[in-house]
Amino acid sequence: MKKVEGLHILGTLTLAVDYVHRDMDFYKKEISLIIAEAGLTEVGNYYHPFEGGGFTGVVALCESHVSIHTWPEEYFVTLDVFTCNYSRDNRAATHTVFNQISALFNPISIDKKEISR
């Protein structure tokens, strides 16, 4: 059996107290655009809004997944981007997707862990 090593980036983004929350549909559209521009293939997504403006979202990729959970009332976001390298090396795309989605929230700090798996 061929070993397929992928890259999994997990992050907690801390946001500024004066963070202005945008509509969930803004993030849904931007995240899909970021994924496509990175050369990854989105096969489906689901986003769920919460009262007060937070949301959770999961995007299934041919290469694996992206998940995001927001807590605007607590000023933080968790972000999870995982891609496998079965048909090509997707490590650069994984970094691009993580960094560009993070930038949408203008975080004041990012606690990030990278796991090869």
PDB file of N, CA and C in Angstrom:
ATOM      1  N   MET A   1       0.840  -1.181   0.000  1.00  0.00           N
ATOM      2  CA  MET A   1       0.000   0.000   0.000  1.00  0.00           C
ATOM      3  C   MET A   1       0.888   1.248   0.000  1.00  0.00           C
ATOM      4  N   LYS A   2       0.577   2.198  -0.866  1.00  0.00           N
ATOM      5  CA  LYS A   2       1.320   3.441  -0.984  1.00  0.00           C
ATOM      6  C   LYS A   2       0.993   4.361   0.190  1.00  0.00           C
ATOM      7  N   LYS A   3       2.032   4.876   0.853  1.00  0.00           N
ATOM      8  CA  LYS A   3       1.820   5.835   1.936  1.00  0.00           C
ATOM      9  C   LYS A   3       1.606   7.218   1.312  1.00  0.00           C
ATOM     10  N   VAL A   4       0.523   7.865   1.695  1.00  0.00           N
ATOM     11  CA  VAL A   4       0.200   9.189   1.173  1.00  0.00           C
ATOM     12  C   VAL A   4       0.278  10.181   2.322  1.00  0.00           C
ATOM     13  N   GLU A   5       1.350  10.941   2.351  1.00  0.00           N
ATOM     14  CA  GLU A   5       1.500  11.916   3.414  1.00  0.00           C
ATOM     15  C   GLU A   5       0.817  13.216   3.016  1.00  0.00           C
ATOM     16  N   GLY A   6       0.077  13.767   3.937  1.00  0.00           N
ATOM     17  CA  GLY A   6      -0.596  15.035   3.695  1.00  0.00           C
ATOM     18  C   GLY A   6      -0.195  16.047   4.739  1.00  0.00           C
ATOM     19  N   LEU A   7      -0.705  17.257   4.593  1.00  0.00           N
ATOM     20  CA  LEU A   7      -0.429  18.318   5.540  1.00  0.00           C
ATOM     21  C   LEU A   7      -1.732  18.781   6.166  1.00  0.00           C
ATOM     22  N   HIS A   8      -1.747  18.833   7.488  1.00  0.00           N
ATOM     23  CA  HIS A   8      -2.916  19.265   8.252  1.00  0.00           C
ATOM     24  C   HIS A   8      -2.493  20.487   9.060  1.00  0.00           C
ATOM     25  N   ILE A   9      -3.142  21.619   8.809  1.00  0.00           N
ATOM     26  CA  ILE A   9      -2.857  22.833   9.566  1.00  0.00           C
ATOM     27  C   ILE A   9      -4.069  23.162  10.416  1.00  0.00           C
ATOM     28  N   LEU A  10      -3.837  23.285  11.722  1.00  0.00           N
ATOM     29  CA  LEU A  10      -4.883  23.623  12.683  1.00  0.00           C
ATOM     30  C   LEU A  10      -4.526  24.965  13.300  1.00  0.00           C
ATOM     31  N   GLY A  11      -5.501  25.854  13.373  1.00  0.00           N
ATOM     32  CA  GLY A  11      -5.193  27.157  13.926  1.00  0.00           C
ATOM     33  C   GLY A  11      -6.328  27.753  14.734  1.00  0.00           C
ATOM     34  N   THR A  12      -5.936  28.564  15.712  1.00  0.00           N
ATOM     35  CA  THR A  12      -6.874  29.391  16.459  1.00  0.00           C
ATOM     36  C   THR A  12      -6.479  30.833  16.199  1.00  0.00           C
ATOM     37  N   LEU A  13      -7.414  31.589  15.659  1.00  0.00           N
ATOM     38  CA  LEU A  13      -7.186  32.988  15.334  1.00  0.00           C
ATOM     39  C   LEU A  13      -7.808  33.848  16.419  1.00  0.00           C
ATOM     40  N   THR A  14      -7.027  34.735  16.985  1.00  0.00           N
ATOM     41  CA  THR A  14      -7.542  35.687  17.954  1.00  0.00           C
ATOM     42  C   THR A  14      -7.802  36.995  17.218  1.00  0.00           C
ATOM     43  N   LEU A  15      -9.016  37.525  17.400  1.00  0.00           N
ATOM     44  CA  LEU A  15      -9.435  38.717  16.668  1.00  0.00           C
ATOM     45  C   LEU A  15      -9.409  39.937  17.570  1.00  0.00           C
ATOM     46  N   ALA A  16      -9.331  41.113  16.953  1.00  0.00           N
ATOM     47  CA  ALA A  16      -9.361  42.364  17.704  1.00  0.00           C
ATOM     48  C   ALA A  16     -10.738  42.557  18.328  1.00  0.00           C
ATOM     49  N   VAL A  17     -10.779  43.227  19.453  1.00  0.00           N
ATOM     50  CA  VAL A  17     -12.040  43.487  20.138  1.00  0.00           C
ATOM     51  C   VAL A  17     -12.998  44.267  19.242  1.00  0.00           C
ATOM     52  N   ASP A  18     -12.446  45.132  18.375  1.00  0.00           N
ATOM     53  CA  ASP A  18     -13.315  45.934  17.515  1.00  0.00           C
ATOM     54  C   ASP A  18     -13.616  45.247  16.175  1.00  0.00           C
ATOM     55  N   TYR A  19     -13.420  43.932  16.128  1.00  0.00           N
ATOM     56  CA  TYR A  19     -13.688  43.153  14.930  1.00  0.00           C
ATOM     57  C   TYR A  19     -15.133  43.360  14.464  1.00  0.00           C
ATOM     58  N   VAL A  20     -15.277  43.685  13.188  1.00  0.00           N
ATOM     59  CA  VAL A  20     -16.605  43.875  12.608  1.00  0.00           C
ATOM     60  C   VAL A  20     -16.979  42.583  11.890  1.00  0.00           C
ATOM     61  N   HIS A  21     -18.015  41.938  12.377  1.00  0.00           N
ATOM     62  CA  HIS A  21     -18.450  40.669  11.796  1.00  0.00           C
ATOM     63  C   HIS A  21     -19.122  40.896  10.448  1.00  0.00           C
ATOM     64  N   ARG A  22     -18.728  40.124   9.468  1.00  0.00           N
ATOM     65  CA  ARG A  22     -19.363  40.162   8.145  1.00  0.00           C
ATOM     66  C   ARG A  22     -20.368  39.030   8.050  1.00  0.00           C
ATOM     67  N   ASP A  23     -21.222  39.137   7.084  1.00  0.00           N
ATOM     68  CA  ASP A  23     -22.236  38.127   6.826  1.00  0.00           C
ATOM     69  C   ASP A  23     -21.589  36.788   6.458  1.00  0.00           C
ATOM     70  N   MET A  24     -22.172  35.690   6.931  1.00  0.00           N
ATOM     71  CA  MET A  24     -21.652  34.352   6.654  1.00  0.00           C
ATOM     72  C   MET A  24     -21.508  34.106   5.153  1.00  0.00           C
ATOM     73  N   ASP A  25     -22.434  34.632   4.353  1.00  0.00           N
ATOM     74  CA  ASP A  25     -22.366  34.413   2.905  1.00  0.00           C
ATOM     75  C   ASP A  25     -21.107  35.025   2.293  1.00  0.00           C
ATOM     76  N   PHE A  26     -20.617  36.114   2.868  1.00  0.00           N
ATOM     77  CA  PHE A  26     -19.348  36.706   2.419  1.00  0.00           C
ATOM     78  C   PHE A  26     -18.235  35.670   2.566  1.00  0.00           C
ATOM     79  N   TYR A  27     -18.142  35.056   3.739  1.00  0.00           N
ATOM     80  CA  TYR A  27     -17.083  34.073   3.987  1.00  0.00           C
ATOM     81  C   TYR A  27     -17.246  32.839   3.102  1.00  0.00           C
ATOM     82  N   LYS A  28     -18.469  32.383   2.941  1.00  0.00           N
ATOM     83  CA  LYS A  28     -18.730  31.217   2.098  1.00  0.00           C
ATOM     84  C   LYS A  28     -18.207  31.457   0.682  1.00  0.00           C
ATOM     85  N   LYS A  29     -18.524  32.608   0.126  1.00  0.00           N
ATOM     86  CA  LYS A  29     -18.087  32.949  -1.234  1.00  0.00           C
ATOM     87  C   LYS A  29     -16.568  33.086  -1.301  1.00  0.00           C
ATOM     88  N   GLU A  30     -15.985  33.801  -0.346  1.00  0.00           N
ATOM     89  CA  GLU A  30     -14.538  34.034  -0.358  1.00  0.00           C
ATOM     90  C   GLU A  30     -13.745  32.744  -0.140  1.00  0.00           C
ATOM     91  N   ILE A  31     -14.217  31.891   0.751  1.00  0.00           N
ATOM     92  CA  ILE A  31     -13.516  30.629   1.010  1.00  0.00           C
ATOM     93  C   ILE A  31     -13.526  29.751  -0.241  1.00  0.00           C
ATOM     94  N   SER A  32     -14.653  29.678  -0.924  1.00  0.00           N
ATOM     95  CA  SER A  32     -14.715  28.896  -2.169  1.00  0.00           C
ATOM     96  C   SER A  32     -13.772  29.466  -3.225  1.00  0.00           C
ATOM     97  N   LEU A  33     -13.694  30.768  -3.316  1.00  0.00           N
ATOM     98  CA  LEU A  33     -12.792  31.414  -4.276  1.00  0.00           C
ATOM     99  C   LEU A  33     -11.324  31.120  -3.929  1.00  0.00           C
ATOM    100  N   ILE A  34     -10.969  31.216  -2.656  1.00  0.00           N
ATOM    101  CA  ILE A  34      -9.606  30.925  -2.211  1.00  0.00           C
ATOM    102  C   ILE A  34      -9.223  29.485  -2.547  1.00  0.00           C
ATOM    103  N   ILE A  35     -10.131  28.554  -2.276  1.00  0.00           N
ATOM    104  CA  ILE A  35      -9.882  27.139  -2.564  1.00  0.00           C
ATOM    105  C   ILE A  35      -9.639  26.922  -4.057  1.00  0.00           C
ATOM    106  N   ALA A  36     -10.496  27.498  -4.890  1.00  0.00           N
ATOM    107  CA  ALA A  36     -10.354  27.334  -6.343  1.00  0.00           C
ATOM    108  C   ALA A  36      -9.050  27.954  -6.848  1.00  0.00           C
ATOM    109  N   GLU A  37      -8.734  29.150  -6.363  1.00  0.00           N
ATOM    110  CA  GLU A  37      -7.509  29.826  -6.809  1.00  0.00           C
ATOM    111  C   GLU A  37      -6.250  29.088  -6.373  1.00  0.00           C
ATOM    112  N   ALA A  38      -6.339  28.301  -5.312  1.00  0.00           N
ATOM    113  CA  ALA A  38      -5.197  27.509  -4.850  1.00  0.00           C
ATOM    114  C   ALA A  38      -5.044  26.213  -5.645  1.00  0.00           C
ATOM    115  N   GLY A  39      -5.996  25.951  -6.549  1.00  0.00           N
ATOM    116  CA  GLY A  39      -5.915  24.754  -7.385  1.00  0.00           C
ATOM    117  C   GLY A  39      -6.483  23.503  -6.743  1.00  0.00           C
ATOM    118  N   LEU A  40      -7.269  23.682  -5.676  1.00  0.00           N
ATOM    119  CA  LEU A  40      -7.919  22.542  -5.035  1.00  0.00           C
ATOM    120  C   LEU A  40      -9.347  22.417  -5.549  1.00  0.00           C
ATOM    121  N   THR A  41      -9.957  21.250  -5.350  1.00  0.00           N
ATOM    122  CA  THR A  41     -11.274  20.971  -5.917  1.00  0.00           C
ATOM    123  C   THR A  41     -12.324  20.816  -4.829  1.00  0.00           C
ATOM    124  N   GLU A  42     -13.240  21.785  -4.761  1.00  0.00           N
ATOM    125  CA  GLU A  42     -14.346  21.735  -3.808  1.00  0.00           C
ATOM    126  C   GLU A  42     -15.428  20.819  -4.361  1.00  0.00           C
ATOM    127  N   VAL A  43     -15.865  19.861  -3.542  1.00  0.00           N
ATOM    128  CA  VAL A  43     -16.918  18.944  -3.978  1.00  0.00           C
ATOM    129  C   VAL A  43     -18.240  19.178  -3.256  1.00  0.00           C
ATOM    130  N   GLY A  44     -18.220  20.031  -2.239  1.00  0.00           N
ATOM    131  CA  GLY A  44     -19.441  20.353  -1.515  1.00  0.00           C
ATOM    132  C   GLY A  44     -19.114  21.142  -0.263  1.00  0.00           C
ATOM    133  N   ASN A  45     -20.146  21.820   0.273  1.00  0.00           N
ATOM    134  CA  ASN A  45     -19.923  22.560   1.514  1.00  0.00           C
ATOM    135  C   ASN A  45     -21.225  22.650   2.287  1.00  0.00           C
ATOM    136  N   TYR A  46     -21.087  22.911   3.577  1.00  0.00           N
ATOM    137  CA  TYR A  46     -22.241  23.158   4.429  1.00  0.00           C
ATOM    138  C   TYR A  46     -21.840  24.212   5.455  1.00  0.00           C
ATOM    139  N   TYR A  47     -22.664  25.241   5.567  1.00  0.00           N
ATOM    140  CA  TYR A  47     -22.443  26.305   6.545  1.00  0.00           C
ATOM    141  C   TYR A  47     -23.706  26.439   7.392  1.00  0.00           C
ATOM    142  N   HIS A  48     -23.503  26.636   8.694  1.00  0.00           N
ATOM    143  CA  HIS A  48     -24.633  26.799   9.599  1.00  0.00           C
ATOM    144  C   HIS A  48     -24.446  28.083  10.409  1.00  0.00           C
ATOM    145  N   PRO A  49     -25.405  29.025  10.300  1.00  0.00           N
ATOM    146  CA  PRO A  49     -25.295  30.263  11.083  1.00  0.00           C
ATOM    147  C   PRO A  49     -25.833  30.068  12.495  1.00  0.00           C
ATOM    148  N   PHE A  50     -25.274  30.826  13.429  1.00  0.00           N
ATOM    149  CA  PHE A  50     -25.754  30.828  14.806  1.00  0.00           C
ATOM    150  C   PHE A  50     -26.296  32.206  15.144  1.00  0.00           C
ATOM    151  N   GLU A  51     -27.232  32.226  16.058  1.00  0.00           N
ATOM    152  CA  GLU A  51     -27.769  33.492  16.527  1.00  0.00           C
ATOM    153  C   GLU A  51     -26.616  34.309  17.110  1.00  0.00           C
ATOM    154  N   GLY A  52     -26.567  35.564  16.778  1.00  0.00           N
ATOM    155  CA  GLY A  52     -25.485  36.416  17.258  1.00  0.00           C
ATOM    156  C   GLY A  52     -24.368  36.582  16.255  1.00  0.00           C
ATOM    157  N   GLY A  53     -24.441  35.895  15.123  1.00  0.00           N
ATOM    158  CA  GLY A  53     -23.486  36.122  14.045  1.00  0.00           C
ATOM    159  C   GLY A  53     -22.419  35.084  13.826  1.00  0.00           C
ATOM    160  N   GLY A  54     -22.246  34.140  14.713  1.00  0.00           N
ATOM    161  CA  GLY A  54     -21.244  33.111  14.483  1.00  0.00           C
ATOM    162  C   GLY A  54     -21.724  32.080  13.479  1.00  0.00           C
ATOM    163  N   PHE A  55     -20.790  31.307  12.966  1.00  0.00           N
ATOM    164  CA  PHE A  55     -21.156  30.226  12.046  1.00  0.00           C
ATOM    165  C   PHE A  55     -20.104  29.131  12.104  1.00  0.00           C
ATOM    166  N   THR A  56     -20.501  27.978  11.607  1.00  0.00           N
ATOM    167  CA  THR A  56     -19.583  26.866  11.419  1.00  0.00           C
ATOM    168  C   THR A  56     -19.704  26.429   9.970  1.00  0.00           C
ATOM    169  N   GLY A  57     -18.613  25.989   9.395  1.00  0.00           N
ATOM    170  CA  GLY A  57     -18.646  25.565   8.003  1.00  0.00           C
ATOM    171  C   GLY A  57     -17.661  24.451   7.736  1.00  0.00           C
ATOM    172  N   VAL A  58     -18.051  23.568   6.831  1.00  0.00           N
ATOM    173  CA  VAL A  58     -17.187  22.472   6.404  1.00  0.00           C
ATOM    174  C   VAL A  58     -17.220  22.425   4.887  1.00  0.00           C
ATOM    175  N   VAL A  59     -16.038  22.369   4.298  1.00  0.00           N
ATOM    176  CA  VAL A  59     -15.920  22.269   2.848  1.00  0.00           C
ATOM    177  C   VAL A  59     -15.197  20.962   2.535  1.00  0.00           C
ATOM    178  N   ALA A  60     -15.869  20.086   1.786  1.00  0.00           N
ATOM    179  CA  ALA A  60     -15.247  18.833   1.353  1.00  0.00           C
ATOM    180  C   ALA A  60     -14.461  19.106   0.077  1.00  0.00           C
ATOM    181  N   LEU A  61     -13.249  18.611   0.042  1.00  0.00           N
ATOM    182  CA  LEU A  61     -12.381  18.755  -1.121  1.00  0.00           C
ATOM    183  C   LEU A  61     -12.043  17.378  -1.678  1.00  0.00           C
ATOM    184  N   CYS A  62     -11.769  17.301  -2.940  1.00  0.00           N
ATOM    185  CA  CYS A  62     -11.230  16.037  -3.477  1.00  0.00           C
ATOM    186  C   CYS A  62      -9.968  15.670  -2.705  1.00  0.00           C
ATOM    187  N   GLU A  63      -9.233  16.693  -2.282  1.00  0.00           N
ATOM    188  CA  GLU A  63      -7.962  16.504  -1.605  1.00  0.00           C
ATOM    189  C   GLU A  63      -8.108  16.325  -0.089  1.00  0.00           C
ATOM    190  N   SER A  64      -9.250  16.613   0.495  1.00  0.00           N
ATOM    191  CA  SER A  64      -9.620  16.377   1.888  1.00  0.00           C
ATOM    192  C   SER A  64     -10.653  17.389   2.365  1.00  0.00           C
ATOM    193  N   HIS A  65     -10.274  18.400   3.227  1.00  0.00           N
ATOM    194  CA  HIS A  65     -11.320  19.276   3.766  1.00  0.00           C
ATOM    195  C   HIS A  65     -10.780  20.593   4.336  1.00  0.00           C
ATOM    196  N   VAL A  66     -11.720  21.510   4.541  1.00  0.00           N
ATOM    197  CA  VAL A  66     -11.500  22.753   5.286  1.00  0.00           C
ATOM    198  C   VAL A  66     -12.658  22.854   6.265  1.00  0.00           C
ATOM    199  N   SER A  67     -12.378  23.195   7.514  1.00  0.00           N
ATOM    200  CA  SER A  67     -13.467  23.468   8.456  1.00  0.00           C
ATOM    201  C   SER A  67     -13.151  24.749   9.212  1.00  0.00           C
ATOM    202  N   ILE A  68     -14.226  25.456   9.557  1.00  0.00           N
ATOM    203  CA  ILE A  68     -14.077  26.741  10.230  1.00  0.00           C
ATOM    204  C   ILE A  68     -15.200  26.894  11.246  1.00  0.00           C
ATOM    205  N   HIS A  69     -14.854  27.439  12.405  1.00  0.00           N
ATOM    206  CA  HIS A  69     -15.831  27.676  13.461  1.00  0.00           C
ATOM    207  C   HIS A  69     -15.552  29.066  14.023  1.00  0.00           C
ATOM    208  N   THR A  70     -16.577  29.904  14.104  1.00  0.00           N
ATOM    209  CA  THR A  70     -16.379  31.276  14.568  1.00  0.00           C
ATOM    210  C   THR A  70     -17.121  31.530  15.870  1.00  0.00           C
ATOM    211  N   TRP A  71     -16.511  32.322  16.709  1.00  0.00           N
ATOM    212  CA  TRP A  71     -17.102  32.778  17.957  1.00  0.00           C
ATOM    213  C   TRP A  71     -16.889  34.300  18.024  1.00  0.00           C
ATOM    214  N   PRO A  72     -17.687  35.082  17.286  1.00  0.00           N
ATOM    215  CA  PRO A  72     -17.459  36.535  17.280  1.00  0.00           C
ATOM    216  C   PRO A  72     -17.610  37.170  18.656  1.00  0.00           C
ATOM    217  N   GLU A  73     -18.456  36.609  19.488  1.00  0.00           N
ATOM    218  CA  GLU A  73     -18.646  37.177  20.831  1.00  0.00           C
ATOM    219  C   GLU A  73     -17.431  36.942  21.727  1.00  0.00           C
ATOM    220  N   GLU A  74     -16.606  35.968  21.374  1.00  0.00           N
ATOM    221  CA  GLU A  74     -15.389  35.662  22.126  1.00  0.00           C
ATOM    222  C   GLU A  74     -14.131  36.099  21.372  1.00  0.00           C
ATOM    223  N   TYR A  75     -14.312  36.628  20.152  1.00  0.00           N
ATOM    224  CA  TYR A  75     -13.218  37.145  19.327  1.00  0.00           C
ATOM    225  C   TYR A  75     -12.203  36.080  18.916  1.00  0.00           C
ATOM    226  N   PHE A  76     -12.708  34.893  18.533  1.00  0.00           N
ATOM    227  CA  PHE A  76     -11.783  33.924  17.979  1.00  0.00           C
ATOM    228  C   PHE A  76     -12.454  33.018  16.955  1.00  0.00           C
ATOM    229  N   VAL A  77     -11.604  32.417  16.143  1.00  0.00           N
ATOM    230  CA  VAL A  77     -12.002  31.528  15.045  1.00  0.00           C
ATOM    231  C   VAL A  77     -11.065  30.334  15.090  1.00  0.00           C
ATOM    232  N   THR A  78     -11.608  29.130  14.871  1.00  0.00           N
ATOM    233  CA  THR A  78     -10.740  27.973  14.664  1.00  0.00           C
ATOM    234  C   THR A  78     -10.824  27.587  13.193  1.00  0.00           C
ATOM    235  N   LEU A  79      -9.680  27.220  12.643  1.00  0.00           N
ATOM    236  CA  LEU A  79      -9.575  26.897  11.227  1.00  0.00           C
ATOM    237  C   LEU A  79      -8.751  25.628  11.083  1.00  0.00           C
ATOM    238  N   ASP A  80      -9.227  24.726  10.230  1.00  0.00           N
ATOM    239  CA  ASP A  80      -8.617  23.412  10.020  1.00  0.00           C
ATOM    240  C   ASP A  80      -8.548  23.190   8.507  1.00  0.00           C
ATOM    241  N   VAL A  81      -7.342  23.040   7.977  1.00  0.00           N
ATOM    242  CA  VAL A  81      -7.159  22.781   6.544  1.00  0.00           C
ATOM    243  C   VAL A  81      -6.292  21.531   6.408  1.00  0.00           C
ATOM    244  N   PHE A  82      -6.822  20.522   5.722  1.00  0.00           N
ATOM    245  CA  PHE A  82      -6.079  19.279   5.512  1.00  0.00           C
ATOM    246  C   PHE A  82      -6.143  18.910   4.043  1.00  0.00           C
ATOM    247  N   THR A  83      -4.976  18.592   3.470  1.00  0.00           N
ATOM    248  CA  THR A  83      -4.939  18.045   2.111  1.00  0.00           C
ATOM    249  C   THR A  83      -3.994  16.855   2.095  1.00  0.00           C
ATOM    250  N   CYS A  84      -4.323  15.897   1.262  1.00  0.00           N
ATOM    251  CA  CYS A  84      -3.435  14.763   1.048  1.00  0.00           C
ATOM    252  C   CYS A  84      -2.605  15.056  -0.205  1.00  0.00           C
ATOM    253  N   ASN A  85      -1.619  14.253  -0.417  1.00  0.00           N
ATOM    254  CA  ASN A  85      -0.723  14.431  -1.564  1.00  0.00           C
ATOM    255  C   ASN A  85      -0.762  13.203  -2.472  1.00  0.00           C
ATOM    256  N   TYR A  86      -1.935  12.620  -2.633  1.00  0.00           N
ATOM    257  CA  TYR A  86      -2.043  11.376  -3.394  1.00  0.00           C
ATOM    258  C   TYR A  86      -1.617  11.548  -4.848  1.00  0.00           C
ATOM    259  N   SER A  87      -2.180  12.543  -5.549  1.00  0.00           N
ATOM    260  CA  SER A  87      -1.872  12.700  -6.971  1.00  0.00           C
ATOM    261  C   SER A  87      -0.868  13.810  -7.252  1.00  0.00           C
ATOM    262  N   ARG A  88      -0.624  14.685  -6.252  1.00  0.00           N
ATOM    263  CA  ARG A  88       0.377  15.750  -6.397  1.00  0.00           C
ATOM    264  C   ARG A  88       0.670  16.320  -5.010  1.00  0.00           C
ATOM    265  N   ASP A  89       1.728  17.100  -4.936  1.00  0.00           N
ATOM    266  CA  ASP A  89       2.119  17.729  -3.670  1.00  0.00           C
ATOM    267  C   ASP A  89       1.247  18.968  -3.452  1.00  0.00           C
ATOM    268  N   ASN A  90       0.387  18.916  -2.446  1.00  0.00           N
ATOM    269  CA  ASN A  90      -0.542  20.011  -2.151  1.00  0.00           C
ATOM    270  C   ASN A  90      -0.133  20.857  -0.950  1.00  0.00           C
ATOM    271  N   ARG A  91       1.101  20.680  -0.458  1.00  0.00           N
ATOM    272  CA  ARG A  91       1.521  21.428   0.731  1.00  0.00           C
ATOM    273  C   ARG A  91       1.453  22.943   0.534  1.00  0.00           C
ATOM    274  N   ALA A  92       1.911  23.440  -0.609  1.00  0.00           N
ATOM    275  CA  ALA A  92       1.872  24.890  -0.852  1.00  0.00           C
ATOM    276  C   ALA A  92       0.428  25.381  -0.887  1.00  0.00           C
ATOM    277  N   ALA A  93      -0.465  24.623  -1.514  1.00  0.00           N
ATOM    278  CA  ALA A  93      -1.880  24.999  -1.570  1.00  0.00           C
ATOM    279  C   ALA A  93      -2.492  25.009  -0.172  1.00  0.00           C
ATOM    280  N   THR A  94      -2.093  24.078   0.673  1.00  0.00           N
ATOM    281  CA  THR A  94      -2.601  24.024   2.047  1.00  0.00           C
ATOM    282  C   THR A  94      -2.214  25.291   2.798  1.00  0.00           C
ATOM    283  N   HIS A  95      -0.965  25.690   2.677  1.00  0.00           N
ATOM    284  CA  HIS A  95      -0.513  26.933   3.317  1.00  0.00           C
ATOM    285  C   HIS A  95      -1.257  28.144   2.760  1.00  0.00           C
ATOM    286  N   THR A  96      -1.414  28.199   1.447  1.00  0.00           N
ATOM    287  CA  THR A  96      -2.114  29.316   0.812  1.00  0.00           C
ATOM    288  C   THR A  96      -3.539  29.433   1.324  1.00  0.00           C
ATOM    289  N   VAL A  97      -4.268  28.320   1.349  1.00  0.00           N
ATOM    290  CA  VAL A  97      -5.663  28.330   1.802  1.00  0.00           C
ATOM    291  C   VAL A  97      -5.738  28.756   3.261  1.00  0.00           C
ATOM    292  N   PHE A  98      -4.898  28.186   4.108  1.00  0.00           N
ATOM    293  CA  PHE A  98      -4.921  28.549   5.523  1.00  0.00           C
ATOM    294  C   PHE A  98      -4.626  30.040   5.699  1.00  0.00           C
ATOM    295  N   ASN A  99      -3.580  30.523   5.059  1.00  0.00           N
ATOM    296  CA  ASN A  99      -3.171  31.920   5.227  1.00  0.00           C
ATOM    297  C   ASN A  99      -4.206  32.901   4.679  1.00  0.00           C
ATOM    298  N   GLN A 100      -4.780  32.598   3.530  1.00  0.00           N
ATOM    299  CA  GLN A 100      -5.744  33.527   2.935  1.00  0.00           C
ATOM    300  C   GLN A 100      -7.082  33.534   3.674  1.00  0.00           C
ATOM    301  N   ILE A 101      -7.540  32.375   4.131  1.00  0.00           N
ATOM    302  CA  ILE A 101      -8.773  32.363   4.929  1.00  0.00           C
ATOM    303  C   ILE A 101      -8.521  33.099   6.251  1.00  0.00           C
ATOM    304  N   SER A 102      -7.384  32.860   6.871  1.00  0.00           N
ATOM    305  CA  SER A 102      -7.056  33.567   8.108  1.00  0.00           C
ATOM    306  C   SER A 102      -7.094  35.072   7.901  1.00  0.00           C
ATOM    307  N   ALA A 103      -6.534  35.533   6.802  1.00  0.00           N
ATOM    308  CA  ALA A 103      -6.468  36.974   6.525  1.00  0.00           C
ATOM    309  C   ALA A 103      -7.851  37.613   6.407  1.00  0.00           C
ATOM    310  N   LEU A 104      -8.865  36.833   6.014  1.00  0.00           N
ATOM    311  CA  LEU A 104     -10.228  37.372   5.919  1.00  0.00           C
ATOM    312  C   LEU A 104     -10.713  37.917   7.261  1.00  0.00           C
ATOM    313  N   PHE A 105     -10.174  37.404   8.351  1.00  0.00           N
ATOM    314  CA  PHE A 105     -10.614  37.783   9.700  1.00  0.00           C
ATOM    315  C   PHE A 105      -9.710  38.833  10.354  1.00  0.00           C
ATOM    316  N   ASN A 106      -8.623  39.201   9.673  1.00  0.00           N
ATOM    317  CA  ASN A 106      -7.688  40.199  10.190  1.00  0.00           C
ATOM    318  C   ASN A 106      -7.297  39.886  11.648  1.00  0.00           C
ATOM    319  N   PRO A 107      -6.749  38.693  11.896  1.00  0.00           N
ATOM    320  CA  PRO A 107      -6.445  38.308  13.275  1.00  0.00           C
ATOM    321  C   PRO A 107      -5.278  39.111  13.857  1.00  0.00           C
ATOM    322  N   ILE A 108      -5.297  39.284  15.161  1.00  0.00           N
ATOM    323  CA  ILE A 108      -4.171  39.936  15.828  1.00  0.00           C
ATOM    324  C   ILE A 108      -3.119  38.901  16.220  1.00  0.00           C
ATOM    325  N   SER A 109      -3.527  37.615  16.281  1.00  0.00           N
ATOM    326  CA  SER A 109      -2.555  36.536  16.491  1.00  0.00           C
ATOM    327  C   SER A 109      -3.138  35.226  15.982  1.00  0.00           C
ATOM    328  N   ILE A 110      -2.217  34.314  15.639  1.00  0.00           N
ATOM    329  CA  ILE A 110      -2.603  32.990  15.163  1.00  0.00           C
ATOM    330  C   ILE A 110      -1.758  31.950  15.891  1.00  0.00           C
ATOM    331  N   ASP A 111      -2.423  31.024  16.564  1.00  0.00           N
ATOM    332  CA  ASP A 111      -1.756  29.874  17.167  1.00  0.00           C
ATOM    333  C   ASP A 111      -1.943  28.729  16.192  1.00  0.00           C
ATOM    334  N   LYS A 112      -0.857  28.290  15.552  1.00  0.00           N
ATOM    335  CA  LYS A 112      -0.963  27.340  14.444  1.00  0.00           C
ATOM    336  C   LYS A 112      -0.110  26.106  14.711  1.00  0.00           C
ATOM    337  N   LYS A 113      -0.657  24.949  14.328  1.00  0.00           N
ATOM    338  CA  LYS A 113       0.075  23.690  14.412  1.00  0.00           C
ATOM    339  C   LYS A 113       0.024  23.021  13.043  1.00  0.00           C
ATOM    340  N   GLU A 114       1.137  22.485  12.600  1.00  0.00           N
ATOM    341  CA  GLU A 114       1.200  21.764  11.333  1.00  0.00           C
ATOM    342  C   GLU A 114       1.539  20.317  11.619  1.00  0.00           C
ATOM    343  N   ILE A 115       0.767  19.422  11.012  1.00  0.00           N
ATOM    344  CA  ILE A 115       0.950  18.000  11.235  1.00  0.00           C
ATOM    345  C   ILE A 115       1.096  17.312   9.872  1.00  0.00           C
ATOM    346  N   SER A 116       2.174  16.568   9.684  1.00  0.00           N
ATOM    347  CA  SER A 116       2.294  15.717   8.502  1.00  0.00           C
ATOM    348  C   SER A 116       1.655  14.389   8.863  1.00  0.00           C
ATOM    349  N   ARG A 117       0.729  13.955   8.025  1.00  0.00           N
ATOM    350  CA  ARG A 117       0.046  12.698   8.339  1.00  0.00           C
ATOM    351  C   ARG A 117      -0.380  11.990   7.076  1.00  0.00           C
TER     352      ARG A 117
END
